[in-house]
């Protein structure tokens, strides 16, 4: 099972790590919308750094991020939603993280 209290940011580009720090600061100061927006901006920046600039598309494309990064982002945003009292969105993020971990990580991975 995922233990959300011990999750950590995976290795990432410095600019992305800086955005993670800002998002955490927003979360810790109860600026929940800003925190979620900053986590999403960090995800977008990291994806663009991995793939280059991309064109807007109507079709969903899979994220190029490592599975651990996506799990981290889901857990972090779930925690923000939980703090904000938006329990359905928090649970959705936590379940997405769990499903990713169980479906894409090996059984003895530290995240499981």
Foldseek 3Di string as FASTA:
>chain_A
DADLVPQDADDADPVLVVLQVVLVVCLVVLVLVSNLVSLVVSQVVRQCVVPPDDDDDPDDDDGPDDLSNLLNSLSSNLVSCVSVVVNVSSVVSNVVSVCSCVPPPDPPDPRD
